[in-house]
Amino acid sequence: VQLVESGGGLVQPGGSLRLSCAASGFTFTSYVMSWYRQAPGKERELVASIGSFGSSPNYVDSVKGRFTISRDNAKNTVYLQMNDLKSEDTAMYYCHASSTLSKTVYWGQGTQVTVFS
């Protein structure tokens, strides 16, 4: 099983990034996919999640209207489009898979997003 994130980097406030998470080794359509983030000294928080077939996307209040989660089941990939980035979005972003059939979860290794001016 692998969840491989990419797309992180350095960006100025107001900029955009698109994170990708490529999944392998499990039945992608049987999992709710999510993005979490963890800033230094803070707890990991759920940023966005999306149902097995793209249903019910939801977001933490702080990113509503700026971030969009989506998935391409044909490519076993989940995305996080991040617009109008703010310094408080700086964190390590993790891809997360949660089975709809069991308590199985998987985590990616993370990709760093740094918003600086």
C-alpha atoms as a PDB file:
ATOM      1  CA  VAL A   1       0.000   0.000   0.000  1.00  0.00           C
ATOM      2  CA  GLN A   2       1.250   3.453  -0.915  1.00  0.00           C
ATOM      3  CA  LEU A   3      -0.037   6.989  -0.731  1.00  0.00           C
ATOM      4  CA  VAL A   4       2.425   9.293  -2.448  1.00  0.00           C
ATOM      5  CA  GLU A   5       1.854  13.022  -2.123  1.00  0.00           C
ATOM      6  CA  SER A   6       3.332  15.641  -4.410  1.00  0.00           C
ATOM      7  CA  GLY A   7       2.854  19.272  -5.315  1.00  0.00           C
ATOM      8  CA  GLY A   8       3.951  21.009  -2.152  1.00  0.00           C
ATOM      9  CA  GLY A   9       6.396  23.883  -2.175  1.00  0.00           C
ATOM     10  CA  LEU A  10       7.033  27.519  -1.438  1.00  0.00           C
ATOM     11  CA  VAL A  11       4.470  30.115  -2.440  1.00  0.00           C
ATOM     12  CA  GLN A  12       3.701  33.724  -1.641  1.00  0.00           C
ATOM     13  CA  PRO A  13       0.458  34.766   0.060  1.00  0.00           C
ATOM     14  CA  GLY A  14      -2.382  34.799  -2.423  1.00  0.00           C
ATOM     15  CA  GLY A  15      -0.736  32.124  -4.516  1.00  0.00           C
ATOM     16  CA  SER A  16      -1.958  28.660  -5.440  1.00  0.00           C
ATOM     17  CA  LEU A  17      -0.761  25.097  -5.223  1.00  0.00           C
ATOM     18  CA  ARG A  18      -2.259  21.802  -6.265  1.00  0.00           C
ATOM     19  CA  LEU A  19      -1.461  18.775  -4.157  1.00  0.00           C
ATOM     20  CA  SER A  20      -1.788  15.276  -5.569  1.00  0.00           C
ATOM     21  CA  CYS A  21      -1.907  11.926  -3.806  1.00  0.00           C
ATOM     22  CA  ALA A  22      -1.392   8.808  -5.882  1.00  0.00           C
ATOM     23  CA  ALA A  23      -2.747   5.659  -4.252  1.00  0.00           C
ATOM     24  CA  SER A  24      -1.825   2.060  -4.908  1.00  0.00           C
ATOM     25  CA  GLY A  25      -2.206  -1.327  -3.300  1.00  0.00           C
ATOM     26  CA  PHE A  26      -5.830  -1.064  -2.240  1.00  0.00           C
ATOM     27  CA  THR A  27      -9.288  -0.637  -3.767  1.00  0.00           C
ATOM     28  CA  PHE A  28      -9.378   3.119  -4.133  1.00  0.00           C
ATOM     29  CA  THR A  29     -13.135   3.372  -4.602  1.00  0.00           C
ATOM     30  CA  SER A  30     -13.725   1.698  -1.246  1.00  0.00           C
ATOM     31  CA  TYR A  31     -12.036   4.513   0.624  1.00  0.00           C
ATOM     32  CA  VAL A  32     -12.951   7.996   1.728  1.00  0.00           C
ATOM     33  CA  MET A  33      -9.968  10.189   0.919  1.00  0.00           C
ATOM     34  CA  SER A  34      -8.893  13.128   3.010  1.00  0.00           C
ATOM     35  CA  TRP A  35      -6.179  15.710   3.407  1.00  0.00           C
ATOM     36  CA  TYR A  36      -4.838  16.548   6.837  1.00  0.00           C
ATOM     37  CA  ARG A  37      -2.234  19.095   7.822  1.00  0.00           C
ATOM     38  CA  GLN A  38       0.050  19.668  10.746  1.00  0.00           C
ATOM     39  CA  ALA A  39       1.850  22.891  11.494  1.00  0.00           C
ATOM     40  CA  PRO A  40       4.846  23.019  13.857  1.00  0.00           C
ATOM     41  CA  GLY A  41       3.691  22.827  17.455  1.00  0.00           C
ATOM     42  CA  LYS A  42       0.096  22.140  16.504  1.00  0.00           C
ATOM     43  CA  GLU A  43      -2.087  19.070  16.305  1.00  0.00           C
ATOM     44  CA  ARG A  44      -2.851  17.436  13.009  1.00  0.00           C
ATOM     45  CA  GLU A  45      -6.170  18.666  11.629  1.00  0.00           C
ATOM     46  CA  LEU A  46      -8.555  17.469   8.971  1.00  0.00           C
ATOM     47  CA  VAL A  47      -8.569  19.909   6.063  1.00  0.00           C
ATOM     48  CA  ALA A  48     -10.911  18.262   3.571  1.00  0.00           C
ATOM     49  CA  SER A  49     -12.446  14.916   2.736  1.00  0.00           C
ATOM     50  CA  ILE A  50     -14.347  13.390  -0.148  1.00  0.00           C
ATOM     51  CA  GLY A  51     -16.499  10.299  -0.501  1.00  0.00           C
ATOM     52  CA  SER A  52     -15.728   7.225  -2.550  1.00  0.00           C
ATOM     53  CA  PHE A  53     -17.257   8.535  -5.756  1.00  0.00           C
ATOM     54  CA  GLY A  54     -16.709  12.221  -5.203  1.00  0.00           C
ATOM     55  CA  SER A  55     -19.685  12.748  -2.964  1.00  0.00           C
ATOM     56  CA  SER A  56     -19.979  14.899   0.129  1.00  0.00           C
ATOM     57  CA  PRO A  57     -16.804  16.956   0.014  1.00  0.00           C
ATOM     58  CA  ASN A  58     -16.352  18.824   3.238  1.00  0.00           C
ATOM     59  CA  TYR A  59     -13.824  21.300   4.544  1.00  0.00           C
ATOM     60  CA  VAL A  60     -12.562  22.821   7.720  1.00  0.00           C
ATOM     61  CA  ASP A  61     -14.005  26.318   8.054  1.00  0.00           C
ATOM     62  CA  SER A  62     -10.648  28.032   7.628  1.00  0.00           C
ATOM     63  CA  VAL A  63     -10.250  26.799   4.030  1.00  0.00           C
ATOM     64  CA  LYS A  64     -13.834  26.963   2.767  1.00  0.00           C
ATOM     65  CA  GLY A  65     -14.046  28.914  -0.453  1.00  0.00           C
ATOM     66  CA  ARG A  66     -10.282  28.634  -1.033  1.00  0.00           C
ATOM     67  CA  PHE A  67      -9.527  24.894  -1.207  1.00  0.00           C
ATOM     68  CA  THR A  68     -11.175  22.247  -3.370  1.00  0.00           C
ATOM     69  CA  ILE A  69     -10.794  18.518  -2.920  1.00  0.00           C
ATOM     70  CA  SER A  70     -11.422  16.194  -5.849  1.00  0.00           C
ATOM     71  CA  ARG A  71     -10.609  12.668  -6.905  1.00  0.00           C
ATOM     72  CA  ASP A  72     -10.054  10.787 -10.134  1.00  0.00           C
ATOM     73  CA  ASN A  73     -10.946   7.164  -9.514  1.00  0.00           C
ATOM     74  CA  ALA A  74      -9.590   6.148 -12.922  1.00  0.00           C
ATOM     75  CA  LYS A  75      -6.152   7.385 -11.822  1.00  0.00           C
ATOM     76  CA  ASN A  76      -6.451   6.400  -8.142  1.00  0.00           C
ATOM     77  CA  THR A  77      -5.559   9.961  -7.274  1.00  0.00           C
ATOM     78  CA  VAL A  78      -6.954  12.603  -4.959  1.00  0.00           C
ATOM     79  CA  TYR A  79      -6.189  16.294  -5.328  1.00  0.00           C
ATOM     80  CA  LEU A  80      -6.294  19.388  -3.199  1.00  0.00           C
ATOM     81  CA  GLN A  81      -6.446  22.643  -5.114  1.00  0.00           C
ATOM     82  CA  MET A  82      -5.387  25.435  -2.791  1.00  0.00           C
ATOM     83  CA  ASN A  83      -6.033  29.027  -3.810  1.00  0.00           C
ATOM     84  CA  ASP A  84      -5.498  32.331  -2.037  1.00  0.00           C
ATOM     85  CA  LEU A  85      -2.977  30.740   0.269  1.00  0.00           C
ATOM     86  CA  LYS A  86      -2.256  32.393   3.591  1.00  0.00           C
ATOM     87  CA  SER A  87       0.673  32.147   5.964  1.00  0.00           C
ATOM     88  CA  GLU A  88      -1.493  30.119   8.341  1.00  0.00           C
ATOM     89  CA  ASP A  89      -1.797  27.420   5.665  1.00  0.00           C
ATOM     90  CA  THR A  90       1.883  26.628   6.152  1.00  0.00           C
ATOM     91  CA  ALA A  91       2.069  22.997   7.269  1.00  0.00           C
ATOM     92  CA  MET A  92       2.927  19.478   6.301  1.00  0.00           C
ATOM     93  CA  TYR A  93       0.004  18.109   4.325  1.00  0.00           C
ATOM     94  CA  TYR A  94      -0.854  14.430   4.562  1.00  0.00           C
ATOM     95  CA  CYS A  95      -3.024  12.235   2.397  1.00  0.00           C
ATOM     96  CA  HIS A  96      -5.305   9.858   4.299  1.00  0.00           C
ATOM     97  CA  ALA A  97      -7.443   6.924   3.208  1.00  0.00           C
ATOM     98  CA  SER A  98     -10.221   5.491   5.352  1.00  0.00           C
ATOM     99  CA  SER A  99     -12.025   2.319   4.386  1.00  0.00           C
ATOM    100  CA  THR A 100     -15.801   2.421   4.040  1.00  0.00           C
ATOM    101  CA  LEU A 101     -15.896  -1.315   4.855  1.00  0.00           C
ATOM    102  CA  SER A 102     -13.581  -1.632   7.852  1.00  0.00           C
ATOM    103  CA  LYS A 103     -11.469   0.419  10.254  1.00  0.00           C
ATOM    104  CA  THR A 104      -8.455   0.322   7.946  1.00  0.00           C
ATOM    105  CA  VAL A 105      -6.684   3.625   7.378  1.00  0.00           C
ATOM    106  CA  TYR A 106      -3.560   4.579   5.472  1.00  0.00           C
ATOM    107  CA  TRP A 107      -1.368   7.674   5.616  1.00  0.00           C
ATOM    108  CA  GLY A 108       1.011   9.209   3.153  1.00  0.00           C
ATOM    109  CA  GLN A 109       4.427  10.559   4.063  1.00  0.00           C
ATOM    110  CA  GLY A 110       3.421  14.192   3.690  1.00  0.00           C
ATOM    111  CA  THR A 111       4.319  17.119   1.475  1.00  0.00           C
ATOM    112  CA  GLN A 112       5.403  20.489   2.832  1.00  0.00           C
ATOM    113  CA  VAL A 113       3.531  23.670   1.978  1.00  0.00           C
ATOM    114  CA  THR A 114       5.165  26.936   3.005  1.00  0.00           C
ATOM    115  CA  VAL A 115       3.478  30.284   2.429  1.00  0.00           C
ATOM    116  CA  PHE A 116       5.862  33.186   2.915  1.00  0.00           C
ATOM    117  CA  SER A 117       6.108  36.837   2.025  1.00  0.00           C
END
